[in-house]
Full PDB file with SEQRES, HELIX, SHEET, SSBOND, CRYST1, ORIGX, SCALE, CONECT and MASTER records, all heavy atoms in Angstrom:
SEQRES   1 A   31  LYS ASN CYS ARG ILE GLU ARG CYS VAL VAL GLU ASP VAL          
SEQRES   2 A   31  SER GLY ASN GLY VAL ASN ILE GLY GLU ASP ARG THR ARG          
SEQRES   3 A   31  ARG VAL ASP GLY LYS                                          
CRYST1    1.000    1.000    1.000  90.00  90.00  90.00 P 1           1          
ORIGX1      1.000000  0.000000  0.000000        0.00000                         
ORIGX2      0.000000  1.000000  0.000000        0.00000                         
ORIGX3      0.000000  0.000000  1.000000        0.00000                         
SCALE1      1.000000  0.000000  0.000000        0.00000                         
SCALE2      0.000000  1.000000  0.000000        0.00000                         
SCALE3      0.000000  0.000000  1.000000        0.00000                         
ATOM      1  N   LYS A   1       0.850  -1.192   0.000  1.00  0.00           N  
ATOM      2  CA  LYS A   1       0.000   0.000   0.000  1.00  0.00           C  
ATOM      3  C   LYS A   1       0.888   1.245   0.000  1.00  0.00           C  
ATOM      4  O   LYS A   1       1.812   1.368   0.813  1.00  0.00           O  
ATOM      5  CB  LYS A   1      -0.892   0.056   1.255  1.00  0.00           C  
ATOM      6  CG  LYS A   1      -1.655  -1.221   1.575  1.00  0.00           C  
ATOM      7  CD  LYS A   1      -2.799  -1.484   0.629  1.00  0.00           C  
ATOM      8  CE  LYS A   1      -3.589  -2.724   1.066  1.00  0.00           C  
ATOM      9  NZ  LYS A   1      -4.632  -3.103   0.103  1.00  0.00           N  
ATOM     10  N   ASN A   2       0.618   2.141  -0.922  1.00  0.00           N  
ATOM     11  CA  ASN A   2       1.267   3.451  -0.940  1.00  0.00           C  
ATOM     12  C   ASN A   2       2.796   3.364  -0.942  1.00  0.00           C  
ATOM     13  O   ASN A   2       3.476   4.158  -0.281  1.00  0.00           O  
ATOM     14  CB  ASN A   2       0.790   4.296   0.245  1.00  0.00           C  
ATOM     15  CG  ASN A   2      -0.718   4.462   0.269  1.00  0.00           C  
ATOM     16  OD1 ASN A   2      -1.340   4.707  -0.767  1.00  0.00           O  
ATOM     17  ND2 ASN A   2      -1.322   4.291   1.432  1.00  0.00           N  
ATOM     18  N   CYS A   3       3.327   2.410  -1.658  1.00  0.00           N  
ATOM     19  CA  CYS A   3       4.772   2.308  -1.835  1.00  0.00           C  
ATOM     20  C   CYS A   3       5.163   2.952  -3.158  1.00  0.00           C  
ATOM     21  O   CYS A   3       4.367   2.995  -4.101  1.00  0.00           O  
ATOM     22  CB  CYS A   3       5.221   0.846  -1.780  1.00  0.00           C  
ATOM     23  SG  CYS A   3       4.963   0.066  -0.168  1.00  0.00           S  
ATOM     24  N   ARG A   4       6.412   3.450  -3.230  1.00  0.00           N  
ATOM     25  CA  ARG A   4       6.786   4.265  -4.380  1.00  0.00           C  
ATOM     26  C   ARG A   4       8.199   3.929  -4.862  1.00  0.00           C  
ATOM     27  O   ARG A   4       9.089   3.612  -4.058  1.00  0.00           O  
ATOM     28  CB  ARG A   4       6.728   5.757  -4.021  1.00  0.00           C  
ATOM     29  CG  ARG A   4       5.423   6.209  -3.434  1.00  0.00           C  
ATOM     30  CD  ARG A   4       5.436   7.676  -3.060  1.00  0.00           C  
ATOM     31  NE  ARG A   4       5.516   8.543  -4.225  1.00  0.00           N  
ATOM     32  CZ  ARG A   4       4.472   8.890  -4.970  1.00  0.00           C  
ATOM     33  NH1 ARG A   4       3.268   8.441  -4.671  1.00  0.00           N  
ATOM     34  NH2 ARG A   4       4.626   9.689  -5.998  1.00  0.00           N  
ATOM     35  N   ILE A   5       8.373   4.047  -6.165  1.00  0.00           N  
ATOM     36  CA  ILE A   5       9.699   4.063  -6.780  1.00  0.00           C  
ATOM     37  C   ILE A   5       9.802   5.398  -7.500  1.00  0.00           C  
ATOM     38  O   ILE A   5       9.030   5.671  -8.426  1.00  0.00           O  
ATOM     39  CB  ILE A   5       9.896   2.883  -7.747  1.00  0.00           C  
ATOM     40  CG1 ILE A   5       9.743   1.554  -6.996  1.00  0.00           C  
ATOM     41  CG2 ILE A   5      11.256   2.953  -8.421  1.00  0.00           C  
ATOM     42  CD1 ILE A   5       9.818   0.330  -7.884  1.00  0.00           C  
ATOM     43  N   GLU A   6      10.724   6.255  -7.069  1.00  0.00           N  
ATOM     44  CA  GLU A   6      10.791   7.625  -7.566  1.00  0.00           C  
ATOM     45  C   GLU A   6      12.208   7.976  -8.017  1.00  0.00           C  
ATOM     46  O   GLU A   6      13.186   7.634  -7.346  1.00  0.00           O  
ATOM     47  CB  GLU A   6      10.399   8.621  -6.461  1.00  0.00           C  
ATOM     48  CG  GLU A   6       8.996   8.477  -5.934  1.00  0.00           C  
ATOM     49  CD  GLU A   6       8.702   9.490  -4.838  1.00  0.00           C  
ATOM     50  OE1 GLU A   6       9.629  10.225  -4.438  1.00  0.00           O  
ATOM     51  OE2 GLU A   6       7.551   9.559  -4.378  1.00  0.00           O  
ATOM     52  N   ARG A   7      12.292   8.660  -9.141  1.00  0.00           N  
ATOM     53  CA  ARG A   7      13.553   9.202  -9.666  1.00  0.00           C  
ATOM     54  C   ARG A   7      14.656   8.131  -9.711  1.00  0.00           C  
ATOM     55  O   ARG A   7      15.798   8.384  -9.350  1.00  0.00           O  
ATOM     56  CB  ARG A   7      14.010  10.411  -8.844  1.00  0.00           C  
ATOM     57  CG  ARG A   7      13.063  11.599  -8.918  1.00  0.00           C  
ATOM     58  CD  ARG A   7      13.646  12.830  -8.234  1.00  0.00           C  
ATOM     59  NE  ARG A   7      13.950  12.596  -6.829  1.00  0.00           N  
ATOM     60  CZ  ARG A   7      13.052  12.661  -5.838  1.00  0.00           C  
ATOM     61  NH1 ARG A   7      11.795  12.966  -6.109  1.00  0.00           N  
ATOM     62  NH2 ARG A   7      13.415  12.442  -4.591  1.00  0.00           N  
ATOM     63  N   CYS A   8      14.284   6.956 -10.147  1.00  0.00           N  
ATOM     64  CA  CYS A   8      15.250   5.865 -10.277  1.00  0.00           C  
ATOM     65  C   CYS A   8      15.522   5.568 -11.750  1.00  0.00           C  
ATOM     66  O   CYS A   8      14.681   5.827 -12.620  1.00  0.00           O  
ATOM     67  CB  CYS A   8      14.728   4.605  -9.593  1.00  0.00           C  
ATOM     68  SG  CYS A   8      14.725   4.695  -7.790  1.00  0.00           S  
ATOM     69  N   VAL A   9      16.681   5.004 -12.013  1.00  0.00           N  
ATOM     70  CA  VAL A   9      17.013   4.469 -13.328  1.00  0.00           C  
ATOM     71  C   VAL A   9      16.929   2.950 -13.226  1.00  0.00           C  
ATOM     72  O   VAL A   9      17.596   2.338 -12.392  1.00  0.00           O  
ATOM     73  CB  VAL A   9      18.419   4.900 -13.777  1.00  0.00           C  
ATOM     74  CG1 VAL A   9      18.773   4.249 -15.113  1.00  0.00           C  
ATOM     75  CG2 VAL A   9      18.503   6.418 -13.891  1.00  0.00           C  
ATOM     76  N   VAL A  10      16.091   2.360 -14.061  1.00  0.00           N  
ATOM     77  CA  VAL A  10      15.937   0.910 -14.126  1.00  0.00           C  
ATOM     78  C   VAL A  10      16.396   0.496 -15.519  1.00  0.00           C  
ATOM     79  O   VAL A  10      15.747   0.833 -16.513  1.00  0.00           O  
ATOM     80  CB  VAL A  10      14.477   0.485 -13.871  1.00  0.00           C  
ATOM     81  CG1 VAL A  10      14.346  -1.028 -13.897  1.00  0.00           C  
ATOM     82  CG2 VAL A  10      13.974   1.054 -12.552  1.00  0.00           C  
ATOM     83  N   GLU A  11      17.514  -0.219 -15.609  1.00  0.00           N  
ATOM     84  CA  GLU A  11      18.091  -0.480 -16.932  1.00  0.00           C  
ATOM     85  C   GLU A  11      18.882  -1.781 -16.951  1.00  0.00           C  
ATOM     86  O   GLU A  11      19.336  -2.275 -15.931  1.00  0.00           O  
ATOM     87  CB  GLU A  11      18.994   0.685 -17.354  1.00  0.00           C  
ATOM     88  CG  GLU A  11      20.171   0.937 -16.433  1.00  0.00           C  
ATOM     89  CD  GLU A  11      20.977   2.166 -16.811  1.00  0.00           C  
ATOM     90  OE1 GLU A  11      20.745   2.746 -17.882  1.00  0.00           O  
ATOM     91  OE2 GLU A  11      21.860   2.555 -16.017  1.00  0.00           O  
ATOM     92  N   ASP A  12      19.035  -2.313 -18.166  1.00  0.00           N  
ATOM     93  CA  ASP A  12      19.806  -3.543 -18.389  1.00  0.00           C  
ATOM     94  C   ASP A  12      19.322  -4.657 -17.469  1.00  0.00           C  
ATOM     95  O   ASP A  12      20.068  -5.250 -16.686  1.00  0.00           O  
ATOM     96  CB  ASP A  12      21.302  -3.269 -18.208  1.00  0.00           C  
ATOM     97  CG  ASP A  12      21.832  -2.303 -19.262  1.00  0.00           C  
ATOM     98  OD1 ASP A  12      21.379  -2.393 -20.418  1.00  0.00           O  
ATOM     99  OD2 ASP A  12      22.669  -1.455 -18.927  1.00  0.00           O  
ATOM    100  N   VAL A  13      18.035  -4.938 -17.606  1.00  0.00           N  
ATOM    101  CA  VAL A  13      17.343  -5.936 -16.798  1.00  0.00           C  
ATOM    102  C   VAL A  13      16.871  -7.054 -17.722  1.00  0.00           C  
ATOM    103  O   VAL A  13      16.339  -6.787 -18.804  1.00  0.00           O  
ATOM    104  CB  VAL A  13      16.146  -5.292 -16.064  1.00  0.00           C  
ATOM    105  CG1 VAL A  13      15.303  -6.329 -15.351  1.00  0.00           C  
ATOM    106  CG2 VAL A  13      16.634  -4.226 -15.082  1.00  0.00           C  
ATOM    107  N   SER A  14      17.020  -8.309 -17.315  1.00  0.00           N  
ATOM    108  CA  SER A  14      16.644  -9.424 -18.188  1.00  0.00           C  
ATOM    109  C   SER A  14      15.145  -9.622 -18.298  1.00  0.00           C  
ATOM    110  O   SER A  14      14.647 -10.099 -19.318  1.00  0.00           O  
ATOM    111  CB  SER A  14      17.294 -10.719 -17.690  1.00  0.00           C  
ATOM    112  OG  SER A  14      18.670 -10.721 -17.948  1.00  0.00           O  
ATOM    113  N   GLY A  15      14.382  -9.290 -17.248  1.00  0.00           N  
ATOM    114  CA  GLY A  15      12.939  -9.465 -17.249  1.00  0.00           C  
ATOM    115  C   GLY A  15      12.205  -8.141 -17.227  1.00  0.00           C  
ATOM    116  O   GLY A  15      12.637  -7.156 -17.844  1.00  0.00           O  
ATOM    117  N   ASN A  16      11.069  -8.097 -16.526  1.00  0.00           N  
ATOM    118  CA  ASN A  16      10.310  -6.850 -16.391  1.00  0.00           C  
ATOM    119  C   ASN A  16      11.127  -5.815 -15.612  1.00  0.00           C  
ATOM    120  O   ASN A  16      11.892  -6.162 -14.712  1.00  0.00           O  
ATOM    121  CB  ASN A  16       9.003  -7.101 -15.633  1.00  0.00           C  
ATOM    122  CG  ASN A  16       8.067  -8.052 -16.359  1.00  0.00           C  
ATOM    123  OD1 ASN A  16       8.100  -8.170 -17.570  1.00  0.00           O  
ATOM    124  ND2 ASN A  16       7.223  -8.725 -15.602  1.00  0.00           N  
ATOM    125  N   GLY A  17      10.901  -4.547 -15.927  1.00  0.00           N  
ATOM    126  CA  GLY A  17      11.583  -3.496 -15.183  1.00  0.00           C  
ATOM    127  C   GLY A  17      11.019  -3.346 -13.784  1.00  0.00           C  
ATOM    128  O   GLY A  17      11.728  -3.474 -12.783  1.00  0.00           O  
ATOM    129  N   VAL A  18       9.707  -3.091 -13.690  1.00  0.00           N  
ATOM    130  CA  VAL A  18       9.015  -2.921 -12.406  1.00  0.00           C  
ATOM    131  C   VAL A  18       7.703  -3.695 -12.465  1.00  0.00           C  
ATOM    132  O   VAL A  18       6.963  -3.600 -13.451  1.00  0.00           O  
ATOM    133  CB  VAL A  18       8.730  -1.439 -12.108  1.00  0.00           C  
ATOM    134  CG1 VAL A  18       7.951  -1.300 -10.800  1.00  0.00           C  
ATOM    135  CG2 VAL A  18      10.027  -0.633 -12.046  1.00  0.00           C  
ATOM    136  N   ASN A  19       7.404  -4.451 -11.416  1.00  0.00           N  
ATOM    137  CA  ASN A  19       6.111  -5.114 -11.255  1.00  0.00           C  
ATOM    138  C   ASN A  19       5.334  -4.442 -10.136  1.00  0.00           C  
ATOM    139  O   ASN A  19       5.918  -4.079  -9.109  1.00  0.00           O  
ATOM    140  CB  ASN A  19       6.284  -6.591 -10.873  1.00  0.00           C  
ATOM    141  CG  ASN A  19       7.006  -7.401 -11.929  1.00  0.00           C  
ATOM    142  OD1 ASN A  19       6.997  -7.069 -13.102  1.00  0.00           O  
ATOM    143  ND2 ASN A  19       7.629  -8.488 -11.504  1.00  0.00           N  
ATOM    144  N   ILE A  20       4.019  -4.344 -10.320  1.00  0.00           N  
ATOM    145  CA  ILE A  20       3.149  -3.820  -9.266  1.00  0.00           C  
ATOM    146  C   ILE A  20       1.942  -4.740  -9.145  1.00  0.00           C  
ATOM    147  O   ILE A  20       1.293  -5.066 -10.140  1.00  0.00           O  
ATOM    148  CB  ILE A  20       2.698  -2.378  -9.563  1.00  0.00           C  
ATOM    149  CG1 ILE A  20       3.913  -1.446  -9.646  1.00  0.00           C  
ATOM    150  CG2 ILE A  20       1.725  -1.881  -8.498  1.00  0.00           C  
ATOM    151  CD1 ILE A  20       3.574  -0.018  -9.978  1.00  0.00           C  
ATOM    152  N   GLY A  21       1.634  -5.151  -7.905  1.00  0.00           N  
ATOM    153  CA  GLY A  21       0.501  -6.043  -7.677  1.00  0.00           C  
ATOM    154  C   GLY A  21       0.893  -7.498  -7.843  1.00  0.00           C  
ATOM    155  O   GLY A  21       2.046  -7.880  -7.695  1.00  0.00           O  
ATOM    156  N   GLU A  22      -0.081  -8.326  -8.181  1.00  0.00           N  
ATOM    157  CA  GLU A  22       0.135  -9.772  -8.307  1.00  0.00           C  
ATOM    158  C   GLU A  22      -0.938 -10.361  -9.205  1.00  0.00           C  
ATOM    159  O   GLU A  22      -1.896  -9.691  -9.584  1.00  0.00           O  
ATOM    160  CB  GLU A  22       0.083 -10.426  -6.922  1.00  0.00           C  
ATOM    161  CG  GLU A  22      -1.243 -10.229  -6.202  1.00  0.00           C  
ATOM    162  CD  GLU A  22      -1.260 -10.810  -4.796  1.00  0.00           C  
ATOM    163  OE1 GLU A  22      -0.836 -11.973  -4.628  1.00  0.00           O  
ATOM    164  OE2 GLU A  22      -1.717 -10.104  -3.871  1.00  0.00           O  
ATOM    165  N   ASP A  23      -0.765 -11.657  -9.561  1.00  0.00           N  
ATOM    166  CA  ASP A  23      -1.823 -12.334 -10.302  1.00  0.00           C  
ATOM    167  C   ASP A  23      -2.849 -12.893  -9.312  1.00  0.00           C  
ATOM    168  O   ASP A  23      -2.856 -12.533  -8.140  1.00  0.00           O  
ATOM    169  CB  ASP A  23      -1.241 -13.413 -11.222  1.00  0.00           C  
ATOM    170  CG  ASP A  23      -0.549 -14.528 -10.449  1.00  0.00           C  
ATOM    171  OD1 ASP A  23      -0.706 -14.606  -9.214  1.00  0.00           O  
ATOM    172  OD2 ASP A  23       0.161 -15.331 -11.085  1.00  0.00           O  
ATOM    173  N   ARG A  24      -3.691 -13.835  -9.774  1.00  0.00           N  
ATOM    174  CA  ARG A  24      -4.772 -14.304  -8.909  1.00  0.00           C  
ATOM    175  C   ARG A  24      -4.483 -15.659  -8.264  1.00  0.00           C  
ATOM    176  O   ARG A  24      -5.375 -16.244  -7.648  1.00  0.00           O  
ATOM    177  CB  ARG A  24      -6.077 -14.411  -9.708  1.00  0.00           C  
ATOM    178  CG  ARG A  24      -6.591 -13.102 -10.244  1.00  0.00           C  
ATOM    179  CD  ARG A  24      -8.071 -13.207 -10.537  1.00  0.00           C  
ATOM    180  NE  ARG A  24      -8.364 -14.252 -11.526  1.00  0.00           N  
ATOM    181  CZ  ARG A  24      -9.592 -14.714 -11.783  1.00  0.00           C  
ATOM    182  NH1 ARG A  24     -10.628 -14.231 -11.102  1.00  0.00           N  
ATOM    183  NH2 ARG A  24      -9.791 -15.636 -12.701  1.00  0.00           N  
ATOM    184  N   THR A  25      -3.292 -16.190  -8.401  1.00  0.00           N  
ATOM    185  CA  THR A  25      -3.059 -17.563  -7.970  1.00  0.00           C  
ATOM    186  C   THR A  25      -3.050 -17.739  -6.455  1.00  0.00           C  
ATOM    187  O   THR A  25      -3.315 -18.832  -5.961  1.00  0.00           O  
ATOM    188  CB  THR A  25      -1.728 -18.081  -8.543  1.00  0.00           C  
ATOM    189  OG1 THR A  25      -0.666 -17.190  -8.172  1.00  0.00           O  
ATOM    190  CG2 THR A  25      -1.791 -18.156 -10.060  1.00  0.00           C  
ATOM    191  N   ARG A  26      -2.734 -16.710  -5.693  1.00  0.00           N  
ATOM    192  CA  ARG A  26      -2.718 -16.837  -4.239  1.00  0.00           C  
ATOM    193  C   ARG A  26      -4.129 -17.168  -3.732  1.00  0.00           C  
ATOM    194  O   ARG A  26      -5.116 -16.662  -4.247  1.00  0.00           O  
ATOM    195  CB  ARG A  26      -2.196 -15.531  -3.611  1.00  0.00           C  
ATOM    196  CG  ARG A  26      -2.065 -15.564  -2.105  1.00  0.00           C  
ATOM    197  CD  ARG A  26      -1.298 -14.332  -1.601  1.00  0.00           C  
ATOM    198  NE  ARG A  26      -1.909 -13.089  -1.995  1.00  0.00           N  
ATOM    199  CZ  ARG A  26      -2.912 -12.491  -1.340  1.00  0.00           C  
ATOM    200  NH1 ARG A  26      -3.412 -13.054  -0.244  1.00  0.00           N  
ATOM    201  NH2 ARG A  26      -3.399 -11.331  -1.749  1.00  0.00           N  
ATOM    202  N   ARG A  27      -4.198 -18.007  -2.708  1.00  0.00           N  
ATOM    203  CA  ARG A  27      -5.491 -18.433  -2.178  1.00  0.00           C  
ATOM    204  C   ARG A  27      -5.710 -17.907  -0.765  1.00  0.00           C  
ATOM    205  O   ARG A  27      -4.778 -17.795   0.028  1.00  0.00           O  
ATOM    206  CB  ARG A  27      -5.584 -19.964  -2.150  1.00  0.00           C  
ATOM    207  CG  ARG A  27      -5.584 -20.629  -3.526  1.00  0.00           C  
ATOM    208  CD  ARG A  27      -6.842 -20.263  -4.300  1.00  0.00           C  
ATOM    209  NE  ARG A  27      -7.078 -21.120  -5.448  1.00  0.00           N  
ATOM    210  CZ  ARG A  27      -6.657 -20.864  -6.678  1.00  0.00           C  
ATOM    211  NH1 ARG A  27      -5.933 -19.784  -6.902  1.00  0.00           N  
ATOM    212  NH2 ARG A  27      -6.952 -21.672  -7.670  1.00  0.00           N  
ATOM    213  N   VAL A  28      -6.966 -17.583  -0.472  1.00  0.00           N  
ATOM    214  CA  VAL A  28      -7.421 -17.232   0.876  1.00  0.00           C  
ATOM    215  C   VAL A  28      -8.618 -18.123   1.174  1.00  0.00           C  
ATOM    216  O   VAL A  28      -9.614 -18.095   0.435  1.00  0.00           O  
ATOM    217  CB  VAL A  28      -7.807 -15.738   0.984  1.00  0.00           C  
ATOM    218  CG1 VAL A  28      -8.444 -15.449   2.331  1.00  0.00           C  
ATOM    219  CG2 VAL A  28      -6.586 -14.852   0.761  1.00  0.00           C  
ATOM    220  N   ASP A  29      -8.513 -18.937   2.196  1.00  0.00           N  
ATOM    221  CA  ASP A  29      -9.580 -19.890   2.557  1.00  0.00           C  
ATOM    222  C   ASP A  29      -9.967 -20.771   1.373  1.00  0.00           C  
ATOM    223  O   ASP A  29     -11.149 -21.070   1.139  1.00  0.00           O  
ATOM    224  CB  ASP A  29     -10.817 -19.142   3.071  1.00  0.00           C  
ATOM    225  CG  ASP A  29     -10.534 -18.379   4.363  1.00  0.00           C  
ATOM    226  OD1 ASP A  29      -9.663 -18.838   5.131  1.00  0.00           O  
ATOM    227  OD2 ASP A  29     -11.165 -17.329   4.577  1.00  0.00           O  
ATOM    228  N   GLY A  30      -8.948 -21.147   0.600  1.00  0.00           N  
ATOM    229  CA  GLY A  30      -9.185 -22.052  -0.519  1.00  0.00           C  
ATOM    230  C   GLY A  30      -9.733 -21.403  -1.770  1.00  0.00           C  
ATOM    231  O   GLY A  30      -9.971 -22.084  -2.775  1.00  0.00           O  
ATOM    232  N   LYS A  31      -9.943 -20.095  -1.758  1.00  0.00           N  
ATOM    233  CA  LYS A  31     -10.493 -19.388  -2.911  1.00  0.00           C  
ATOM    234  C   LYS A  31      -9.474 -18.402  -3.463  1.00  0.00           C  
ATOM    235  O   LYS A  31      -8.517 -18.033  -2.784  1.00  0.00           O  
ATOM    236  CB  LYS A  31     -11.766 -18.636  -2.506  1.00  0.00           C  
ATOM    237  CG  LYS A  31     -12.881 -19.519  -1.976  1.00  0.00           C  
ATOM    238  CD  LYS A  31     -14.084 -18.676  -1.565  1.00  0.00           C  
ATOM    239  CE  LYS A  31     -15.198 -19.534  -1.001  1.00  0.00           C  
ATOM    240  NZ  LYS A  31     -16.366 -18.695  -0.567  1.00  0.00           N  
TER     241      LYS A  31                                                      
MASTER        0    0    0    0    0    0    0    6  240    1    0    3          
END                                                                             
């Protein structure tokens, strides 16, 4: 919540530069 990446250089990275959030695979109470 309310986390920030500011005034940074993100470069020469093999995968994604920055990820935010997640997919839906995590489960809560089996759902």
